[in-house]
Amino acid sequence: MEDSLSCCGLICHKCAIYLATREKDEKKRYKMRVDIARQIKEHYGQECKPEDVTDCDGCKTETGRLNSGSKNCHIRKCARRKRIENCASCNEYPCEELEKLFTTDPDAEKRLNVIRSEL
């Protein structure tokens, strides 16, 4: 699981943006991006158009494509700066940024707590 686990506990290969990036059919990919834009507005309260949803190979990518949300993610930047695989191994866990994320994605917290309990 850790291979596709983002820094914050989300699973990259289940992410709608990651899946849209891999969709070969143009029409399906556009429909997926329309749905992603709607979800971003509903889930995070941010305005987003389908064309704003860029390709992403996962937030841990070093040389691949990175969605603008991942590129600008404070949690990702922090984990990279600290050179940690994910936030479970951080001595500041859980930080304020993670607490905000956990209110909308409680499964991310559960995954990181499991990893943290095994450290």
Protein backbone atom coordinates (compact mmCIF):
# COMPACT_ATOMS: atom_id res chain seq x y z
CA MET A 1 0.00 0.00 0.00
CA GLU A 2 2.75 2.50 0.86
CA ASP A 3 3.93 2.62 -2.77
CA SER A 4 0.78 4.45 -3.79
CA LEU A 5 0.14 6.21 -0.49
CA SER A 6 0.52 9.95 -0.64
CA CYS A 7 2.27 11.90 2.09
CA CYS A 8 -1.07 12.76 3.69
CA GLY A 9 -2.54 9.26 3.60
CA LEU A 10 -4.58 9.40 0.40
CA ILE A 11 -4.14 6.52 -2.03
CA CYS A 12 -2.84 7.88 -5.34
CA HIS A 13 -3.93 5.00 -7.58
CA LYS A 14 -7.54 5.46 -6.39
CA CYS A 15 -7.50 9.22 -6.94
CA ALA A 16 -9.90 10.44 -9.63
CA ILE A 17 -7.24 12.76 -11.09
CA TYR A 18 -4.71 9.93 -11.27
CA LEU A 19 -7.32 7.71 -12.97
CA ALA A 20 -8.31 10.46 -15.44
CA THR A 21 -4.65 10.88 -16.34
CA ARG A 22 -4.54 7.23 -17.41
CA GLU A 23 -7.86 7.21 -19.31
CA LYS A 24 -7.20 6.71 -23.03
CA ASP A 25 -10.64 7.76 -24.33
CA GLU A 26 -10.74 11.58 -24.73
CA LYS A 27 -14.50 11.84 -24.10
CA LYS A 28 -14.35 9.70 -20.97
CA ARG A 29 -11.34 11.64 -19.72
CA TYR A 30 -13.17 14.96 -20.20
CA LYS A 31 -16.26 13.64 -18.39
CA MET A 32 -14.03 12.49 -15.55
CA ARG A 33 -12.48 15.95 -15.32
CA VAL A 34 -15.92 17.59 -15.27
CA ASP A 35 -16.82 15.35 -12.34
CA ILE A 36 -13.51 16.06 -10.60
CA ALA A 37 -14.07 19.82 -10.92
CA ARG A 38 -17.54 19.40 -9.38
CA GLN A 39 -16.12 17.31 -6.53
CA ILE A 40 -13.41 19.88 -5.82
CA LYS A 41 -16.05 22.58 -5.51
CA GLU A 42 -18.32 20.43 -3.31
CA HIS A 43 -15.60 18.82 -1.20
CA TYR A 44 -13.10 21.66 -0.80
CA GLY A 45 -15.12 24.77 -1.71
CA GLN A 46 -12.70 25.75 -4.48
CA GLU A 47 -13.79 26.87 -7.92
CA CYS A 48 -12.41 24.56 -10.57
CA LYS A 49 -13.02 24.04 -14.29
CA PRO A 50 -12.37 20.74 -16.10
CA GLU A 51 -9.44 22.35 -17.92
CA ASP A 52 -7.88 23.18 -14.53
CA VAL A 53 -7.63 19.46 -13.75
CA THR A 54 -4.17 18.62 -15.05
CA ASP A 55 -2.50 15.23 -15.34
CA CYS A 56 -0.89 13.65 -12.29
CA ASP A 57 1.32 10.59 -11.76
CA GLY A 58 0.98 10.73 -7.97
CA CYS A 59 2.25 13.26 -5.44
CA LYS A 60 5.49 11.40 -4.84
CA THR A 61 6.56 11.58 -8.46
CA GLU A 62 10.00 13.04 -9.00
CA THR A 63 9.97 13.31 -12.79
CA GLY A 64 6.37 12.65 -13.81
CA ARG A 65 3.35 14.88 -14.21
CA LEU A 66 2.02 16.56 -11.10
CA ASN A 67 -1.45 18.07 -10.72
CA SER A 68 -1.45 21.72 -9.67
CA GLY A 69 -3.19 20.79 -6.39
CA SER A 70 -0.40 18.35 -5.57
CA LYS A 71 2.29 20.73 -6.78
CA ASN A 72 1.03 23.44 -4.41
CA CYS A 73 0.14 21.13 -1.52
CA HIS A 74 1.58 22.34 1.80
CA ILE A 75 1.55 18.82 3.22
CA ARG A 76 3.51 17.43 0.27
CA LYS A 77 6.03 20.28 0.44
CA CYS A 78 6.52 19.74 4.17
CA ALA A 79 7.05 15.98 3.81
CA ARG A 80 9.56 16.52 1.00
CA ARG A 81 11.42 19.15 3.04
CA LYS A 82 11.60 16.74 5.99
CA ARG A 83 12.48 13.85 3.65
CA ILE A 84 9.81 11.56 5.08
CA GLU A 85 7.84 8.93 3.19
CA ASN A 86 4.53 10.08 4.66
CA CYS A 87 3.25 12.12 7.58
CA ALA A 88 2.88 9.13 9.89
CA SER A 89 6.61 9.29 10.63
CA CYS A 90 6.62 13.01 11.39
CA ASN A 91 7.24 14.03 15.00
CA GLU A 92 4.65 16.82 14.56
CA TYR A 93 1.90 14.37 13.56
CA PRO A 94 -0.89 15.31 13.24
CA CYS A 95 -0.30 18.92 12.28
CA GLU A 96 -2.96 21.55 11.65
CA GLU A 97 -2.87 20.97 7.87
CA LEU A 98 -3.49 17.25 8.33
CA GLU A 99 -6.29 17.88 10.83
CA LYS A 100 -8.06 19.98 8.17
CA LEU A 101 -7.64 17.22 5.59
CA PHE A 102 -8.87 14.55 8.00
CA THR A 103 -12.20 16.37 8.39
CA THR A 104 -12.91 15.73 4.70
CA ASP A 105 -10.92 12.50 4.28
CA PRO A 106 -11.05 10.50 7.55
CA ASP A 107 -9.77 7.34 5.83
CA ALA A 108 -6.45 9.11 5.24
CA GLU A 109 -6.14 9.52 9.01
CA LYS A 110 -6.93 5.85 9.58
CA ARG A 111 -4.26 4.75 7.11
CA LEU A 112 -1.61 7.00 8.64
CA ASN A 113 -2.55 5.90 12.17
CA VAL A 114 -2.03 2.27 11.17
CA ILE A 115 1.40 3.07 9.77
CA ARG A 116 2.27 5.17 12.82
CA SER A 117 1.29 2.35 15.19
CA GLU A 118 3.76 0.07 13.41
CA LEU A 119 6.73 2.46 13.71
